[in-house]
């Protein structure tokens, strides 16, 4: 039996837990998948490396509306793929070699493990591992609908679609969330004939209702969108995939060369044996943790066990996992002076076309929590600003929600050009408790920058200026 001071299950954000503090201690890192986790290998980083060239290709259509004639000839898919994964695969392999061969105090296990007891693990090969502290950072995996033909060649998830041999001519994407919407924007911009199919009546349904409606309209102008359609099966005839859907009791048939299934992700906790040990879990399978990231059983922390990332939170966001990792690093190294994880203002962005970014409550959530009369709401179009005029923007919007009495922001939702950048000062305002009036009037806003749309939205909330506020 091998004993360690620390065992980490998962090599994504979990890999960052091994600091100099552990140099004179024994550490095990366990991962049967690709070293480096989802974000590096199949998530945030490679997808955005495809998003940027897709944005360049999509700019041709935008330029045409402004009187500029540009031509997009084609995308060199193979060159793009090799540029991206030639870099990423090297980083993954280097990280694996570093942990496996260059650190005497670290042992790398490339097998699946499961819990025998709260401090004992067993590998698939039967080796027992015990540890004083164990961190579960096992990430998540794509969910596949249980229908006939889902395992046919040519049917992909986000884990495999970026490594296909050639750009598909016809691509059907299943799902209406951020993964499906990002890939729809990428492949349609690069030249594929894309149809995005969602089983509900709008895309990005988890967003504020106004953002969801606006994005659904915008997406339908850029690629095919089919709503309220439920997949019943997939067949392959020659090189063509035939997808059968049902909508309002009527059949819908689509054909494709390639299918992307992007209907959600589920935490990789089911194979750990966590349920048998009584660890508390959410409905999606993720582990419940307390404010210090300690895993809970019957509502109480299990001594020595911590969780981070997709295995232990519902957000499935890399920046959340990174913050959790920093909290766990501190708490592992300072057990008598632990710090809590702050989850009050978790932002996110969707790098589709157009972009979406958000933080805080939707309007429905804000009104449910504070009462309808207590919530101020405003929608400010990009096109109401000078830079919006320059762009001829007719889609972009900023929606803000504030508490009438305190003047504090309750939520911020942006759809449009560089939404992921425009949201940041609003995140900062919420995190620091900066009220709307002070944020709008207490600083200069550059004219005619696009950020004026945020300024105008803040002013549009109608929070009264105080006597001490700048004019």
Protein backbone atom coordinates (compact mmCIF):
# COMPACT_ATOMS: atom_id res chain seq x y z
CA UNK A 1 0.00 0.00 0.00
CA UNK A 2 1.37 3.42 -1.02
CA UNK A 3 0.82 6.28 1.42
CA UNK A 4 0.95 9.99 0.57
CA UNK A 5 0.58 13.31 2.31
CA UNK A 6 -1.62 14.52 -0.54
CA UNK A 7 -3.48 12.73 -3.33
CA UNK A 8 -5.10 14.73 -6.15
CA UNK A 9 -7.61 13.05 -8.45
CA UNK A 10 -7.55 15.07 -11.67
CA UNK A 11 -4.81 16.96 -13.50
CA UNK A 12 -6.67 20.11 -14.59
CA UNK A 13 -6.95 22.79 -11.91
CA UNK A 14 -5.94 20.07 -9.46
CA UNK A 15 -2.45 20.13 -10.98
CA UNK A 16 -1.91 23.66 -9.62
CA UNK A 17 -2.31 22.48 -6.02
CA UNK A 18 1.25 21.16 -5.88
CA UNK A 19 3.18 24.16 -4.55
CA UNK A 20 6.63 24.41 -2.93
CA UNK A 21 4.94 23.57 0.37
CA UNK A 22 4.85 19.91 -0.75
CA UNK A 23 8.51 19.68 -1.82
CA UNK A 24 9.48 17.62 1.23
CA UNK A 25 6.25 15.63 1.27
CA UNK A 26 4.84 12.77 -0.83
CA UNK A 27 2.19 13.66 -3.41
CA UNK A 28 0.16 11.51 -5.79
CA UNK A 29 -1.62 12.92 -8.82
CA UNK A 30 -4.10 10.59 -10.50
CA UNK A 31 -5.62 11.00 -13.96
CA UNK A 32 -6.55 8.35 -16.49
CA UNK A 33 -7.38 10.93 -19.16
CA UNK A 34 -5.38 13.53 -21.06
CA UNK A 35 -3.06 15.39 -18.70
CA UNK A 36 -4.06 18.99 -18.09
CA UNK A 37 -7.83 18.57 -17.92
CA UNK A 38 -10.75 19.84 -19.95
CA UNK A 39 -9.84 23.53 -20.32
CA UNK A 40 -6.42 22.94 -21.80
CA UNK A 41 -7.19 19.99 -24.03
CA UNK A 42 -10.83 20.09 -25.17
CA UNK A 43 -12.37 23.20 -23.63
CA UNK A 44 -11.70 26.89 -23.13
CA UNK A 45 -8.28 27.21 -24.76
CA UNK A 46 -8.60 25.27 -28.04
CA UNK A 47 -12.16 26.47 -28.61
CA UNK A 48 -11.11 30.11 -28.33
CA UNK A 49 -8.17 29.43 -30.64
CA UNK A 50 -10.81 28.45 -33.20
CA UNK A 51 -13.13 31.32 -32.21
CA UNK A 52 -10.66 34.07 -33.09
CA UNK A 53 -10.02 33.07 -36.74
CA UNK A 54 -13.76 32.43 -37.08
CA UNK A 55 -14.37 36.01 -35.97
CA UNK A 56 -11.99 37.22 -38.67
CA UNK A 57 -13.91 35.22 -41.26
CA UNK A 58 -17.27 36.51 -39.98
CA UNK A 59 -16.05 40.11 -40.21
CA UNK A 60 -16.38 39.92 -44.00
CA UNK A 61 -20.17 40.06 -43.77
CA UNK A 62 -20.01 42.89 -41.23
CA UNK A 63 -17.70 44.91 -43.48
CA UNK A 64 -20.10 44.60 -46.41
CA UNK A 65 -22.76 46.50 -44.46
CA UNK A 66 -20.26 49.33 -43.95
CA UNK A 67 -19.37 49.72 -47.63
CA UNK A 68 -16.19 47.65 -47.54
CA UNK A 69 -15.82 44.82 -50.04
CA UNK A 70 -13.86 41.92 -48.55
CA UNK A 71 -13.62 38.32 -49.66
CA UNK A 72 -13.34 35.19 -47.56
CA UNK A 73 -12.05 32.42 -49.78
CA UNK A 74 -11.77 29.41 -47.49
CA UNK A 75 -10.54 28.13 -44.15
CA UNK A 76 -7.45 25.93 -44.06
CA UNK A 77 -8.87 23.59 -41.44
CA UNK A 78 -5.86 21.32 -41.30
CA UNK A 79 -3.47 24.23 -40.74
CA UNK A 80 -5.71 25.69 -38.05
CA UNK A 81 -6.02 22.34 -36.30
CA UNK A 82 -2.28 21.69 -36.39
CA UNK A 83 -1.45 25.20 -35.15
CA UNK A 84 -3.77 24.77 -32.19
CA UNK A 85 -3.09 21.20 -31.12
CA UNK A 86 0.58 21.31 -32.04
CA UNK A 87 0.88 23.80 -29.20
CA UNK A 88 -1.66 22.33 -26.79
CA UNK A 89 -0.53 18.71 -27.07
CA UNK A 90 3.03 19.76 -26.38
CA UNK A 91 1.98 21.62 -23.23
CA UNK A 92 -0.05 18.63 -22.03
CA UNK A 93 2.78 16.19 -22.64
CA UNK A 94 5.35 18.47 -21.00
CA UNK A 95 3.16 18.82 -17.91
CA UNK A 96 2.74 15.05 -17.72
CA UNK A 97 6.46 14.40 -18.06
CA UNK A 98 7.27 17.03 -15.44
CA UNK A 99 4.99 15.44 -12.86
CA UNK A 100 5.93 11.87 -13.78
CA UNK A 101 9.70 12.13 -14.15
CA UNK A 102 11.15 15.40 -12.87
CA UNK A 103 9.71 15.68 -9.35
CA UNK A 104 11.00 13.09 -6.93
CA UNK A 105 8.21 13.74 -4.43
CA UNK A 106 5.36 13.32 -6.95
CA UNK A 107 3.98 10.04 -8.28
CA UNK A 108 1.69 10.08 -11.32
CA UNK A 109 -0.96 7.38 -11.68
CA UNK A 110 -2.61 7.08 -15.10
CA UNK A 111 -5.44 4.79 -14.00
CA UNK A 112 -8.99 5.32 -12.83
CA UNK A 113 -9.41 5.12 -9.07
CA UNK A 114 -12.34 4.69 -6.71
CA UNK A 115 -12.77 5.23 -2.99
CA UNK A 116 -12.52 2.33 -0.58
CA UNK A 117 -12.85 4.62 2.45
CA UNK A 118 -12.58 8.41 2.89
CA UNK A 119 -8.77 8.21 2.95
CA UNK A 120 -8.14 5.14 0.79
CA UNK A 121 -8.29 4.76 -2.99
CA UNK A 122 -7.87 1.74 -5.22
CA UNK A 123 -6.67 1.84 -8.82
CA UNK A 124 -8.19 -0.22 -11.63
CA UNK A 125 -5.09 -2.39 -11.42
CA UNK A 126 -5.77 -3.11 -7.75
CA UNK A 127 -3.16 -0.90 -6.11
CA UNK A 128 -4.16 0.66 -2.79
CA UNK A 129 -3.40 4.33 -2.17
CA UNK A 130 -3.91 6.10 1.13
CA UNK A 131 -3.44 9.81 1.82
CA UNK A 132 -3.73 12.26 4.67
CA UNK A 133 -5.48 14.71 2.33
CA UNK A 134 -7.37 13.96 -0.87
CA UNK A 135 -8.64 16.52 -3.40
CA UNK A 136 -11.28 15.48 -5.94
CA UNK A 137 -10.82 17.49 -9.15
CA UNK A 138 -12.07 15.01 -11.72
CA UNK A 139 -13.80 17.45 -14.07
CA UNK A 140 -16.72 16.57 -16.33
CA UNK A 141 -17.58 14.81 -19.58
CA UNK A 142 -20.05 15.28 -22.41
CA UNK A 143 -23.57 13.90 -22.04
CA UNK A 144 -25.00 11.86 -24.91
CA UNK A 145 -28.74 11.37 -25.44
CA UNK A 146 -29.72 7.71 -25.37
CA UNK A 147 -31.04 7.31 -28.90
CA UNK A 148 -30.29 4.88 -31.70
CA UNK A 149 -27.26 5.84 -33.79
CA UNK A 150 -25.64 8.17 -31.26
CA UNK A 151 -22.42 6.12 -31.51
CA UNK A 152 -22.18 6.17 -35.30
CA UNK A 153 -18.97 7.37 -36.99
CA UNK A 154 -19.28 11.06 -37.70
CA UNK A 155 -21.15 11.81 -34.47
CA UNK A 156 -18.93 13.87 -32.21
CA UNK A 157 -18.84 15.69 -28.89
CA UNK A 158 -16.85 18.80 -28.03
CA UNK A 159 -14.03 16.45 -26.99
CA UNK A 160 -13.51 15.22 -30.56
CA UNK A 161 -15.04 17.72 -33.01
CA UNK A 162 -11.98 19.99 -33.08
CA UNK A 163 -9.72 17.17 -34.28
CA UNK A 164 -11.77 16.01 -37.28
CA UNK A 165 -9.86 15.58 -40.54
CA UNK A 166 -11.70 18.16 -42.63
CA UNK A 167 -14.16 21.00 -42.29
CA UNK A 168 -17.65 19.48 -42.69
CA UNK A 169 -19.85 20.75 -45.49
CA UNK A 170 -23.04 20.08 -43.52
CA UNK A 171 -23.00 20.10 -39.73
CA UNK A 172 -25.94 19.54 -37.40
CA UNK A 173 -25.37 20.68 -33.83
CA UNK A 174 -27.58 19.31 -31.07
CA UNK A 175 -28.04 21.66 -28.12
CA UNK A 176 -28.94 25.24 -27.33
CA UNK A 177 -26.38 26.15 -24.67
CA UNK A 178 -23.01 27.83 -24.74
CA UNK A 179 -20.98 24.94 -26.18
CA UNK A 180 -23.42 24.38 -29.03
CA UNK A 181 -23.72 28.10 -29.75
CA UNK A 182 -19.97 28.70 -29.78
CA UNK A 183 -19.34 25.86 -32.20
CA UNK A 184 -22.24 26.97 -34.39
CA UNK A 185 -20.60 30.37 -34.74
CA UNK A 186 -17.16 28.87 -35.46
CA UNK A 187 -18.19 26.36 -38.10
CA UNK A 188 -20.69 28.61 -39.86
CA UNK A 189 -18.11 31.40 -40.11
CA UNK A 190 -15.51 29.01 -41.50
CA UNK A 191 -17.86 27.87 -44.26
CA UNK A 192 -19.90 24.91 -43.00
CA UNK A 193 -23.64 24.79 -43.57
CA UNK A 194 -24.74 24.66 -39.91
CA UNK A 195 -28.10 23.81 -38.40
CA UNK A 196 -28.39 24.13 -34.62
CA UNK A 197 -31.24 22.10 -33.15
CA UNK A 198 -32.62 22.70 -29.68
CA UNK A 199 -35.36 20.82 -27.88
CA UNK A 200 -36.71 23.98 -26.21
CA UNK A 201 -38.18 27.14 -27.72
CA UNK A 202 -35.10 29.39 -27.53
CA UNK A 203 -31.31 29.23 -27.50
CA UNK A 204 -29.29 30.04 -24.36
CA UNK A 205 -32.32 29.48 -22.14
CA UNK A 206 -30.24 29.76 -18.95
CA UNK A 207 -29.66 33.44 -19.70
CA UNK A 208 -31.89 36.38 -18.84
CA UNK A 209 -35.04 36.05 -20.95
CA UNK A 210 -34.32 39.21 -22.98
CA UNK A 211 -30.79 38.05 -23.77
CA UNK A 212 -31.99 34.58 -24.74
CA UNK A 213 -34.62 36.00 -27.08
CA UNK A 214 -32.19 38.47 -28.67
CA UNK A 215 -29.53 35.80 -29.16
CA UNK A 216 -31.98 33.36 -30.71
CA UNK A 217 -32.97 36.02 -33.26
CA UNK A 218 -29.34 36.94 -33.98
CA UNK A 219 -28.22 33.33 -34.34
CA UNK A 220 -31.00 32.54 -36.82
CA UNK A 221 -29.61 35.27 -39.10
CA UNK A 222 -26.20 33.60 -39.15
CA UNK A 223 -26.90 29.85 -39.29
CA UNK A 224 -29.85 27.49 -39.38
CA UNK A 225 -31.84 27.19 -36.14
CA UNK A 226 -34.52 24.59 -35.44
CA UNK A 227 -36.39 24.86 -32.12
CA UNK A 228 -38.73 22.58 -30.13
CA UNK A 229 -37.27 19.53 -31.87
CA UNK A 230 -36.52 16.28 -30.01
CA UNK A 231 -34.00 13.83 -31.48
CA UNK A 232 -35.43 10.35 -32.06
CA UNK A 233 -32.56 8.65 -33.84
CA UNK A 234 -29.67 8.80 -36.31
CA UNK A 235 -29.01 6.56 -39.30
CA UNK A 236 -26.09 6.48 -41.71
CA UNK A 237 -26.46 5.84 -45.42
CA UNK A 238 -23.15 5.99 -47.23
CA UNK A 239 -21.41 9.10 -45.95
CA UNK A 240 -24.63 10.89 -44.98
CA UNK A 241 -26.06 11.00 -41.48
CA UNK A 242 -29.86 11.14 -41.36
CA UNK A 243 -31.29 12.66 -38.18
CA UNK A 244 -34.91 12.12 -37.24
CA UNK A 245 -36.59 14.63 -34.91
CA UNK A 246 -40.09 15.14 -33.63
CA UNK A 247 -41.62 18.60 -33.31
CA UNK A 248 -45.18 19.19 -32.20
CA UNK A 249 -45.98 15.59 -33.06
CA UNK A 250 -44.64 15.99 -36.60
CA UNK A 251 -41.42 14.49 -38.01
CA UNK A 252 -38.42 16.66 -38.90
CA UNK A 253 -35.62 15.18 -41.01
CA UNK A 254 -32.13 16.66 -41.36
CA UNK A 255 -29.07 15.42 -43.21
CA UNK A 256 -25.45 16.05 -42.31
CA UNK A 257 -21.90 14.94 -42.96
CA UNK A 258 -21.03 15.47 -39.29
CA UNK A 259 -23.05 15.77 -36.09
CA UNK A 260 -21.95 17.56 -32.92
CA UNK A 261 -23.73 16.55 -29.72
CA UNK A 262 -23.47 19.47 -27.29
CA UNK A 263 -26.37 18.82 -24.94
CA UNK A 264 -24.47 19.32 -21.67
CA UNK A 265 -21.75 17.91 -19.45
CA UNK A 266 -21.89 15.76 -16.34
CA UNK A 267 -19.37 15.57 -13.45
CA UNK A 268 -16.93 12.64 -13.45
CA UNK A 269 -17.86 11.62 -9.91
CA UNK A 270 -20.06 8.60 -10.60
CA UNK A 271 -17.13 6.17 -10.93
CA UNK A 272 -15.43 7.25 -7.69
CA UNK A 273 -17.74 5.36 -5.35
CA UNK A 274 -18.63 8.62 -3.65
CA UNK A 275 -22.26 7.62 -3.26
CA UNK A 276 -21.40 4.44 -1.38
CA UNK A 277 -19.44 6.50 1.13
CA UNK A 278 -22.35 8.86 1.68
CA UNK A 279 -20.81 12.00 0.18
CA UNK A 280 -23.48 14.65 -0.40
CA UNK A 281 -24.23 15.28 -4.08
CA UNK A 282 -26.37 17.58 -6.20
CA UNK A 283 -28.88 16.21 -8.65
CA UNK A 284 -26.29 16.47 -11.45
CA UNK A 285 -23.82 14.31 -9.50
CA UNK A 286 -21.44 17.07 -8.42
CA UNK A 287 -20.20 16.89 -4.85
CA UNK A 288 -21.42 19.33 -2.24
CA UNK A 289 -18.70 21.25 -0.41
CA UNK A 290 -18.74 23.78 2.40
CA UNK A 291 -17.35 27.30 2.21
CA UNK A 292 -13.82 25.98 2.65
CA UNK A 293 -14.20 23.48 -0.23
CA UNK A 294 -14.39 20.52 2.13
CA UNK A 295 -16.50 17.63 0.86
CA UNK A 296 -19.68 17.05 2.85
CA UNK A 297 -21.38 13.88 4.07
CA UNK A 298 -24.75 14.31 5.77
CA UNK A 299 -24.06 18.04 5.81
CA UNK A 300 -20.76 17.74 7.71
CA UNK A 301 -17.22 18.07 6.32
CA UNK A 302 -15.33 14.83 5.77
CA UNK A 303 -11.89 15.17 7.42
CA UNK A 304 -9.11 15.56 4.87
CA UNK A 305 -11.31 15.65 1.75
CA UNK A 306 -11.66 18.65 -0.57
CA UNK A 307 -13.29 19.19 -3.95
CA UNK A 308 -12.79 21.70 -6.76
CA UNK A 309 -13.92 22.35 -10.32
CA UNK A 310 -16.68 20.62 -12.26
CA UNK A 311 -16.66 17.75 -9.75
CA UNK A 312 -17.75 20.07 -6.95
CA UNK A 313 -19.59 23.07 -8.40
CA UNK A 314 -22.49 23.60 -10.81
CA UNK A 315 -20.91 26.47 -12.77
CA UNK A 316 -18.40 24.37 -14.76
CA UNK A 317 -16.18 27.41 -15.34
CA UNK A 318 -12.39 27.39 -15.37
CA UNK A 319 -12.06 30.71 -13.54
CA UNK A 320 -14.24 29.32 -10.75
CA UNK A 321 -12.08 26.19 -10.53
CA UNK A 322 -8.95 28.35 -10.41
CA UNK A 323 -10.34 30.41 -7.52
CA UNK A 324 -11.35 27.22 -5.72
CA UNK A 325 -7.84 25.85 -6.24
CA UNK A 326 -6.33 28.95 -4.61
CA UNK A 327 -8.69 28.54 -1.65
CA UNK A 328 -7.79 24.86 -1.29
CA UNK A 329 -4.07 25.58 -1.59
CA UNK A 330 -4.35 27.97 1.34
CA UNK A 331 -6.55 25.67 3.39
CA UNK A 332 -4.34 22.62 2.86
CA UNK A 333 -1.30 24.58 3.94
CA UNK A 334 -3.00 26.53 6.73
CA UNK A 335 -5.51 24.17 8.37
CA UNK A 336 -5.76 26.37 11.47
CA UNK A 337 -6.48 29.56 9.52
CA UNK A 338 -8.65 28.47 6.60
CA UNK A 339 -10.32 30.90 4.20
CA UNK A 340 -13.73 30.70 2.57
CA UNK A 341 -14.57 30.64 -1.12
CA UNK A 342 -16.45 33.75 -2.27
CA UNK A 343 -19.17 32.76 -4.74
CA UNK A 344 -21.24 35.94 -4.72
CA UNK A 345 -20.45 37.30 -8.18
CA UNK A 346 -19.51 34.56 -10.62
CA UNK A 347 -19.36 35.90 -14.20
CA UNK A 348 -19.24 34.00 -17.47
CA UNK A 349 -19.01 34.66 -21.18
CA UNK A 350 -20.16 32.86 -24.29
CA UNK A 351 -17.82 33.35 -27.25
CA UNK A 352 -20.41 32.85 -29.93
CA UNK A 353 -21.50 35.39 -32.53
CA UNK A 354 -22.69 37.64 -31.03
CA UNK A 355 -20.92 37.26 -27.69
CA UNK A 356 -22.79 37.03 -24.41
CA UNK A 357 -21.46 37.94 -20.96
CA UNK A 358 -23.25 38.01 -17.65
CA UNK A 359 -22.91 38.26 -13.88
CA UNK A 360 -25.46 38.16 -11.09
CA UNK A 361 -29.19 37.66 -11.23
CA UNK A 362 -31.52 37.50 -14.20
CA UNK A 363 -34.55 39.77 -14.06
CA UNK A 364 -36.80 36.87 -13.05
CA UNK A 365 -34.41 35.87 -10.25
CA UNK A 366 -34.00 39.44 -8.99
CA UNK A 367 -37.74 40.10 -8.87
CA UNK A 368 -38.38 36.77 -7.16
CA UNK A 369 -35.80 37.54 -4.46
CA UNK A 370 -36.40 41.25 -3.85
CA UNK A 371 -39.93 41.84 -5.12
CA UNK A 372 -41.01 43.31 -8.43
CA UNK A 373 -41.22 46.89 -7.12
CA UNK A 374 -37.71 46.80 -5.67
CA UNK A 375 -35.89 46.07 -8.92
CA UNK A 376 -34.85 48.64 -11.53
CA UNK A 377 -34.23 47.35 -15.05
CA UNK A 378 -32.91 48.91 -18.25
CA UNK A 379 -31.95 47.71 -21.73
CA UNK A 380 -29.48 49.92 -23.59
CA UNK A 381 -28.82 49.19 -27.30
CA UNK A 382 -25.27 49.37 -28.63
CA UNK A 383 -26.73 51.42 -31.46
CA UNK A 384 -27.60 54.25 -29.07
CA UNK A 385 -23.92 55.24 -28.82
CA UNK A 386 -21.56 56.85 -31.28
CA UNK A 387 -19.42 53.75 -31.62
CA UNK A 388 -22.56 51.72 -32.13
CA UNK A 389 -23.44 54.07 -34.98
CA UNK A 390 -19.98 53.52 -36.45
CA UNK A 391 -20.57 49.77 -36.36
CA UNK A 392 -24.14 50.08 -37.67
CA UNK A 393 -25.00 47.79 -34.77
CA UNK A 394 -28.66 46.83 -34.54
CA UNK A 395 -28.32 43.79 -32.25
CA UNK A 396 -26.09 44.52 -29.26
CA UNK A 397 -27.71 45.28 -25.91
CA UNK A 398 -26.69 45.91 -22.31
CA UNK A 399 -29.26 44.93 -19.69
CA UNK A 400 -28.71 46.01 -16.09
CA UNK A 401 -30.67 45.29 -12.93
CA UNK A 402 -30.32 47.31 -9.74
CA UNK A 403 -31.89 47.49 -6.31
CA UNK A 404 -34.04 50.61 -6.11
CA UNK A 405 -33.27 51.39 -2.47
CA UNK A 406 -29.53 50.69 -2.29
CA UNK A 407 -28.60 51.54 -5.89
CA UNK A 408 -26.46 48.40 -6.07
CA UNK A 409 -26.27 46.28 -9.17
CA UNK A 410 -28.08 42.96 -8.95
CA UNK A 411 -27.22 41.67 -12.40
CA UNK A 412 -25.55 42.64 -15.67
CA UNK A 413 -26.19 40.97 -19.03
CA UNK A 414 -24.56 41.95 -22.31
CA UNK A 415 -24.99 40.59 -25.82
CA UNK A 416 -22.88 41.98 -28.60
CA UNK A 417 -19.41 42.93 -29.78
CA UNK A 418 -16.75 42.23 -27.09
CA UNK A 419 -19.36 41.62 -24.41
CA UNK A 420 -16.75 39.62 -22.48
CA UNK A 421 -14.66 42.79 -22.12
CA UNK A 422 -17.47 45.26 -21.53
CA UNK A 423 -18.79 43.23 -18.58
CA UNK A 424 -15.61 43.49 -16.49
CA UNK A 425 -16.17 46.93 -14.84
CA UNK A 426 -19.67 45.78 -13.89
CA UNK A 427 -18.24 42.65 -12.27
CA UNK A 428 -15.81 44.85 -10.36
CA UNK A 429 -18.59 47.16 -9.25
CA UNK A 430 -20.63 44.27 -7.87
CA UNK A 431 -17.61 42.69 -6.15
CA UNK A 432 -16.59 45.95 -4.47
CA UNK A 433 -20.09 47.21 -3.63
CA UNK A 434 -19.87 50.24 -5.91
CA UNK A 435 -23.33 51.73 -6.36
CA UNK A 436 -24.80 52.63 -9.75
CA UNK A 437 -24.75 56.41 -9.28
CA UNK A 438 -21.10 56.47 -8.24
CA UNK A 439 -20.04 54.14 -11.03
CA UNK A 440 -21.87 56.19 -13.67
CA UNK A 441 -20.83 59.65 -12.49
CA UNK A 442 -17.70 59.15 -10.42
CA UNK A 443 -15.32 58.49 -13.32
CA UNK A 444 -14.75 59.61 -16.90
CA UNK A 445 -16.08 57.37 -19.65
CA UNK A 446 -14.08 57.67 -22.86
CA UNK A 447 -16.01 59.16 -25.76
CA UNK A 448 -16.76 57.74 -28.28
CA UNK A 449 -15.66 54.29 -27.05
CA UNK A 450 -18.13 51.41 -27.08
CA UNK A 451 -17.97 51.38 -23.26
CA UNK A 452 -20.30 54.38 -23.35
CA UNK A 453 -23.13 51.89 -23.77
CA UNK A 454 -22.40 50.70 -20.22
CA UNK A 455 -22.34 54.29 -18.95
CA UNK A 456 -25.65 55.05 -20.64
CA UNK A 457 -27.20 51.88 -19.24
CA UNK A 458 -26.13 52.85 -15.72
CA UNK A 459 -27.63 56.31 -16.15
CA UNK A 460 -30.73 54.77 -17.70
CA UNK A 461 -31.49 52.86 -14.53
CA UNK A 462 -32.68 56.15 -13.08
CA UNK A 463 -30.92 55.92 -9.74
CA UNK A 464 -31.00 59.50 -8.38
CA UNK A 465 -27.67 61.31 -8.19
CA UNK A 466 -26.58 62.46 -4.75
CA UNK A 467 -25.45 65.96 -3.95
CA UNK A 468 -21.87 64.69 -3.56
CA UNK A 469 -21.79 62.95 -6.96
CA UNK A 470 -19.80 64.63 -9.77
CA UNK A 471 -21.84 66.44 -12.40
